[in-house]
Amino acid sequence: MTEPGASPVAGAPAPADIVIAIDPGTGKCGLAAVRSDGAALRQEVVSAVLASGIAAQWAGEFGASVIVLGDGTGCRCMQRSLERLTSSKAVSLMVVNERCSSEEARRLYLQAHPPRGLARLVPPFMRYPDGCYDDYCAVVLARRWFALNPGSGVAPDPEKP
């Protein structure tokens, strides 16, 4: 039985050390290869047209048996594209709830890119990422999948409300 928030799309969730996560969008998508301890091995923001192919390539490259897909904008189109690419491979496609993932991703981005100079004087709640951070959204989605699946090695974020 699947946990709430992680619904199977193709196959059943398999134990995984690494997953490929996609934060889908209409123009661009965030991609991340994430280990079960929550560490991102690779992350990129790519064109939505190329995202499914890159995700399938990364799945082979990293030996991932699960591709995690956010349920937000562009999910259905990306889901169909991924199902075509992964139908002959041993890769499960899982849809995860994206609710509030942008806020979590923003926090991750700002932790990874601390302010410099006078920008340090700006209170944290007023800071905003300088560029795209859809790849950090993908990291958040992967961590959610690991947190929802027993034996994955990642506990839910204690700072999350």
C-alpha atoms as a PDB file:
ATOM      1  CA  MET A   1       0.000   0.000   0.000  1.00  0.00           C
ATOM      2  CA  THR A   2       1.304   3.454  -0.904  1.00  0.00           C
ATOM      3  CA  GLU A   3       1.644   6.223   1.654  1.00  0.00           C
ATOM      4  CA  PRO A   4      -0.523   9.361   1.230  1.00  0.00           C
ATOM      5  CA  GLY A   5       1.208  11.917  -0.957  1.00  0.00           C
ATOM      6  CA  ALA A   6       3.130   9.355  -3.041  1.00  0.00           C
ATOM      7  CA  SER A   7       0.901   7.636  -5.555  1.00  0.00           C
ATOM      8  CA  PRO A   8       2.278   4.988  -7.886  1.00  0.00           C
ATOM      9  CA  VAL A   9       2.014   5.706 -11.584  1.00  0.00           C
ATOM     10  CA  ALA A  10       3.974   2.863 -13.145  1.00  0.00           C
ATOM     11  CA  GLY A  11       4.987  -0.101 -11.012  1.00  0.00           C
ATOM     12  CA  ALA A  12       5.312  -0.215  -7.253  1.00  0.00           C
ATOM     13  CA  PRO A  13       7.746   1.862  -5.207  1.00  0.00           C
ATOM     14  CA  ALA A  14      11.035   0.051  -5.024  1.00  0.00           C
ATOM     15  CA  PRO A  15      13.702   0.464  -2.368  1.00  0.00           C
ATOM     16  CA  ALA A  16      16.106   3.014  -3.782  1.00  0.00           C
ATOM     17  CA  ASP A  17      19.400   4.544  -2.799  1.00  0.00           C
ATOM     18  CA  ILE A  18      19.080   7.228  -5.470  1.00  0.00           C
ATOM     19  CA  VAL A  19      15.994   8.759  -7.085  1.00  0.00           C
ATOM     20  CA  ILE A  20      15.603  11.194  -9.940  1.00  0.00           C
ATOM     21  CA  ALA A  21      13.154  13.969  -9.086  1.00  0.00           C
ATOM     22  CA  ILE A  22      11.372  16.353 -11.437  1.00  0.00           C
ATOM     23  CA  ASP A  23       9.614  19.589 -10.555  1.00  0.00           C
ATOM     24  CA  PRO A  24       7.528  19.935 -13.724  1.00  0.00           C
ATOM     25  CA  GLY A  25       6.580  23.200 -15.341  1.00  0.00           C
ATOM     26  CA  THR A  26       5.311  24.462 -18.674  1.00  0.00           C
ATOM     27  CA  GLY A  27       8.536  26.137 -19.827  1.00  0.00           C
ATOM     28  CA  LYS A  28      11.230  24.755 -17.561  1.00  0.00           C
ATOM     29  CA  CYS A  29      11.646  21.928 -15.089  1.00  0.00           C
ATOM     30  CA  GLY A  30      13.882  21.319 -12.120  1.00  0.00           C
ATOM     31  CA  LEU A  31      15.753  18.001 -12.086  1.00  0.00           C
ATOM     32  CA  ALA A  32      17.749  16.423  -9.283  1.00  0.00           C
ATOM     33  CA  ALA A  33      19.484  13.131  -8.603  1.00  0.00           C
ATOM     34  CA  VAL A  34      19.215  12.655  -4.839  1.00  0.00           C
ATOM     35  CA  ARG A  35      20.647  10.001  -2.495  1.00  0.00           C
ATOM     36  CA  SER A  36      18.620   8.431   0.296  1.00  0.00           C
ATOM     37  CA  ASP A  37      20.467  10.587   2.852  1.00  0.00           C
ATOM     38  CA  GLY A  38      19.000  13.667   1.129  1.00  0.00           C
ATOM     39  CA  ALA A  39      22.219  14.784  -0.580  1.00  0.00           C
ATOM     40  CA  ALA A  40      21.842  16.071  -4.136  1.00  0.00           C
ATOM     41  CA  LEU A  41      24.298  14.433  -6.530  1.00  0.00           C
ATOM     42  CA  ARG A  42      23.307  16.591  -9.497  1.00  0.00           C
ATOM     43  CA  GLN A  43      20.700  19.255 -10.056  1.00  0.00           C
ATOM     44  CA  GLU A  44      19.760  21.362 -13.061  1.00  0.00           C
ATOM     45  CA  VAL A  45      17.023  23.546 -14.469  1.00  0.00           C
ATOM     46  CA  VAL A  46      16.229  22.453 -18.034  1.00  0.00           C
ATOM     47  CA  SER A  47      13.681  23.079 -20.754  1.00  0.00           C
ATOM     48  CA  ALA A  48      10.416  21.194 -20.201  1.00  0.00           C
ATOM     49  CA  VAL A  49      10.826  19.682 -23.671  1.00  0.00           C
ATOM     50  CA  LEU A  50      14.115  18.021 -22.683  1.00  0.00           C
ATOM     51  CA  ALA A  51      13.324  17.121 -19.066  1.00  0.00           C
ATOM     52  CA  SER A  52      11.875  13.622 -19.533  1.00  0.00           C
ATOM     53  CA  GLY A  53      14.765  12.512 -21.743  1.00  0.00           C
ATOM     54  CA  ILE A  54      17.355  13.872 -19.330  1.00  0.00           C
ATOM     55  CA  ALA A  55      15.569  12.235 -16.372  1.00  0.00           C
ATOM     56  CA  ALA A  56      15.564   8.860 -18.152  1.00  0.00           C
ATOM     57  CA  GLN A  57      19.256   9.306 -18.998  1.00  0.00           C
ATOM     58  CA  TRP A  58      20.093  10.169 -15.370  1.00  0.00           C
ATOM     59  CA  ALA A  59      18.110   7.144 -14.146  1.00  0.00           C
ATOM     60  CA  GLY A  60      20.417   4.919 -16.176  1.00  0.00           C
ATOM     61  CA  GLU A  61      23.543   6.855 -15.255  1.00  0.00           C
ATOM     62  CA  PHE A  62      22.868   6.829 -11.500  1.00  0.00           C
ATOM     63  CA  GLY A  63      21.161   3.419 -11.374  1.00  0.00           C
ATOM     64  CA  ALA A  64      17.939   4.950 -10.057  1.00  0.00           C
ATOM     65  CA  SER A  65      14.900   2.700  -9.946  1.00  0.00           C
ATOM     66  CA  VAL A  66      12.459   5.509  -9.121  1.00  0.00           C
ATOM     67  CA  ILE A  67      11.604   8.790 -10.842  1.00  0.00           C
ATOM     68  CA  VAL A  68       9.702  11.169  -8.569  1.00  0.00           C
ATOM     69  CA  LEU A  69       7.388  13.680 -10.250  1.00  0.00           C
ATOM     70  CA  GLY A  70       5.711  16.660  -8.588  1.00  0.00           C
ATOM     71  CA  ASP A  71       1.940  16.880  -9.032  1.00  0.00           C
ATOM     72  CA  GLY A  72       1.870  20.588  -9.992  1.00  0.00           C
ATOM     73  CA  THR A  73       1.826  22.482 -13.283  1.00  0.00           C
ATOM     74  CA  GLY A  74       2.816  20.350 -16.256  1.00  0.00           C
ATOM     75  CA  CYS A  75       2.538  17.059 -14.357  1.00  0.00           C
ATOM     76  CA  ARG A  76       0.155  15.233 -16.724  1.00  0.00           C
ATOM     77  CA  CYS A  77       2.139  16.037 -19.863  1.00  0.00           C
ATOM     78  CA  MET A  78       5.435  15.099 -18.201  1.00  0.00           C
ATOM     79  CA  GLN A  79       3.866  11.934 -16.796  1.00  0.00           C
ATOM     80  CA  ARG A  80       2.816  10.742 -20.272  1.00  0.00           C
ATOM     81  CA  SER A  81       6.253  11.505 -21.678  1.00  0.00           C
ATOM     82  CA  LEU A  82       8.031   9.656 -18.845  1.00  0.00           C
ATOM     83  CA  GLU A  83       5.721   6.647 -19.108  1.00  0.00           C
ATOM     84  CA  ARG A  84       6.700   6.264 -22.779  1.00  0.00           C
ATOM     85  CA  LEU A  85      10.414   6.514 -21.966  1.00  0.00           C
ATOM     86  CA  THR A  86      10.396   4.219 -18.927  1.00  0.00           C
ATOM     87  CA  SER A  87       7.859   1.588 -20.051  1.00  0.00           C
ATOM     88  CA  SER A  88      10.553  -0.854 -21.159  1.00  0.00           C
ATOM     89  CA  LYS A  89      12.899  -0.143 -18.241  1.00  0.00           C
ATOM     90  CA  ALA A  90      12.783  -1.193 -14.592  1.00  0.00           C
ATOM     91  CA  VAL A  91      11.974   2.330 -13.393  1.00  0.00           C
ATOM     92  CA  SER A  92       8.939   3.219 -11.292  1.00  0.00           C
ATOM     93  CA  LEU A  93       7.296   6.590 -11.748  1.00  0.00           C
ATOM     94  CA  MET A  94       5.919   8.127  -8.550  1.00  0.00           C
ATOM     95  CA  VAL A  95       3.832  11.305  -8.180  1.00  0.00           C
ATOM     96  CA  VAL A  96       4.438  13.333  -4.998  1.00  0.00           C
ATOM     97  CA  ASN A  97       2.452  16.251  -3.565  1.00  0.00           C
ATOM     98  CA  GLU A  98       4.141  19.570  -4.369  1.00  0.00           C
ATOM     99  CA  ARG A  99       2.296  21.609  -1.766  1.00  0.00           C
ATOM    100  CA  CYS A 100       4.614  24.270  -0.240  1.00  0.00           C
ATOM    101  CA  SER A 101       7.658  22.811  -2.017  1.00  0.00           C
ATOM    102  CA  SER A 102       8.586  26.231  -3.415  1.00  0.00           C
ATOM    103  CA  GLU A 103       8.900  27.679   0.077  1.00  0.00           C
ATOM    104  CA  GLU A 104      11.091  24.785   1.204  1.00  0.00           C
ATOM    105  CA  ALA A 105      13.169  25.080  -1.967  1.00  0.00           C
ATOM    106  CA  ARG A 106      13.617  28.807  -1.446  1.00  0.00           C
ATOM    107  CA  ARG A 107      14.997  28.132   2.026  1.00  0.00           C
ATOM    108  CA  LEU A 108      17.378  25.467   0.652  1.00  0.00           C
ATOM    109  CA  TYR A 109      18.567  27.789  -2.110  1.00  0.00           C
ATOM    110  CA  LEU A 110      19.259  30.627   0.312  1.00  0.00           C
ATOM    111  CA  GLN A 111      21.165  28.272   2.647  1.00  0.00           C
ATOM    112  CA  ALA A 112      23.324  27.132  -0.266  1.00  0.00           C
ATOM    113  CA  HIS A 113      23.851  30.704  -1.498  1.00  0.00           C
ATOM    114  CA  PRO A 114      24.332  32.903   1.592  1.00  0.00           C
ATOM    115  CA  PRO A 115      24.257  36.662   1.063  1.00  0.00           C
ATOM    116  CA  ARG A 116      27.468  38.631   0.751  1.00  0.00           C
ATOM    117  CA  GLY A 117      28.388  42.205   1.526  1.00  0.00           C
ATOM    118  CA  LEU A 118      25.531  44.547   2.400  1.00  0.00           C
ATOM    119  CA  ALA A 119      22.979  41.892   1.416  1.00  0.00           C
ATOM    120  CA  ARG A 120      23.771  40.218   4.759  1.00  0.00           C
ATOM    121  CA  LEU A 121      21.903  43.073   6.434  1.00  0.00           C
ATOM    122  CA  VAL A 122      18.635  42.098   4.756  1.00  0.00           C
ATOM    123  CA  PRO A 123      16.514  39.946   7.108  1.00  0.00           C
ATOM    124  CA  PRO A 124      16.152  36.315   5.944  1.00  0.00           C
ATOM    125  CA  PHE A 125      12.388  36.588   5.423  1.00  0.00           C
ATOM    126  CA  MET A 126      12.977  39.404   2.901  1.00  0.00           C
ATOM    127  CA  ARG A 127      15.592  37.569   0.834  1.00  0.00           C
ATOM    128  CA  TYR A 128      14.702  36.012  -2.478  1.00  0.00           C
ATOM    129  CA  PRO A 129      16.803  33.796  -4.790  1.00  0.00           C
ATOM    130  CA  ASP A 130      18.713  35.602  -7.534  1.00  0.00           C
ATOM    131  CA  GLY A 131      17.871  33.008 -10.186  1.00  0.00           C
ATOM    132  CA  CYS A 132      15.783  29.930 -10.930  1.00  0.00           C
ATOM    133  CA  TYR A 133      15.583  27.437  -8.111  1.00  0.00           C
ATOM    134  CA  ASP A 134      13.344  24.777  -9.659  1.00  0.00           C
ATOM    135  CA  ASP A 135      16.183  22.292  -9.184  1.00  0.00           C
ATOM    136  CA  TYR A 136      15.932  22.852  -5.428  1.00  0.00           C
ATOM    137  CA  CYS A 137      12.184  22.126  -5.693  1.00  0.00           C
ATOM    138  CA  ALA A 138      13.139  18.781  -7.248  1.00  0.00           C
ATOM    139  CA  VAL A 139      15.473  18.094  -4.297  1.00  0.00           C
ATOM    140  CA  VAL A 140      12.568  18.823  -1.912  1.00  0.00           C
ATOM    141  CA  LEU A 141      10.311  16.408  -3.824  1.00  0.00           C
ATOM    142  CA  ALA A 142      12.940  13.650  -3.690  1.00  0.00           C
ATOM    143  CA  ARG A 143      13.390  14.136   0.058  1.00  0.00           C
ATOM    144  CA  ARG A 144       9.620  13.946   0.507  1.00  0.00           C
ATOM    145  CA  TRP A 145       9.531  10.658  -1.374  1.00  0.00           C
ATOM    146  CA  PHE A 146      12.305   9.225   0.798  1.00  0.00           C
ATOM    147  CA  ALA A 147      10.535  10.467   3.955  1.00  0.00           C
ATOM    148  CA  LEU A 148       7.289   8.780   2.865  1.00  0.00           C
ATOM    149  CA  ASN A 149       8.930   5.440   2.088  1.00  0.00           C
ATOM    150  CA  PRO A 150      10.147   3.261   4.971  1.00  0.00           C
ATOM    151  CA  GLY A 151      13.751   2.174   4.904  1.00  0.00           C
ATOM    152  CA  SER A 152      14.768   5.086   2.724  1.00  0.00           C
ATOM    153  CA  GLY A 153      17.052   6.592   5.361  1.00  0.00           C
ATOM    154  CA  VAL A 154      15.646  10.145   5.367  1.00  0.00           C
ATOM    155  CA  ALA A 155      13.571  11.555   8.183  1.00  0.00           C
ATOM    156  CA  PRO A 156      11.073  14.363   7.578  1.00  0.00           C
ATOM    157  CA  ASP A 157      12.489  17.879   7.908  1.00  0.00           C
ATOM    158  CA  PRO A 158      12.086  18.950  11.579  1.00  0.00           C
ATOM    159  CA  GLU A 159      11.835  22.635  10.543  1.00  0.00           C
ATOM    160  CA  LYS A 160       8.859  21.954   8.277  1.00  0.00           C
ATOM    161  CA  PRO A 161       5.520  23.133   9.727  1.00  0.00           C
END
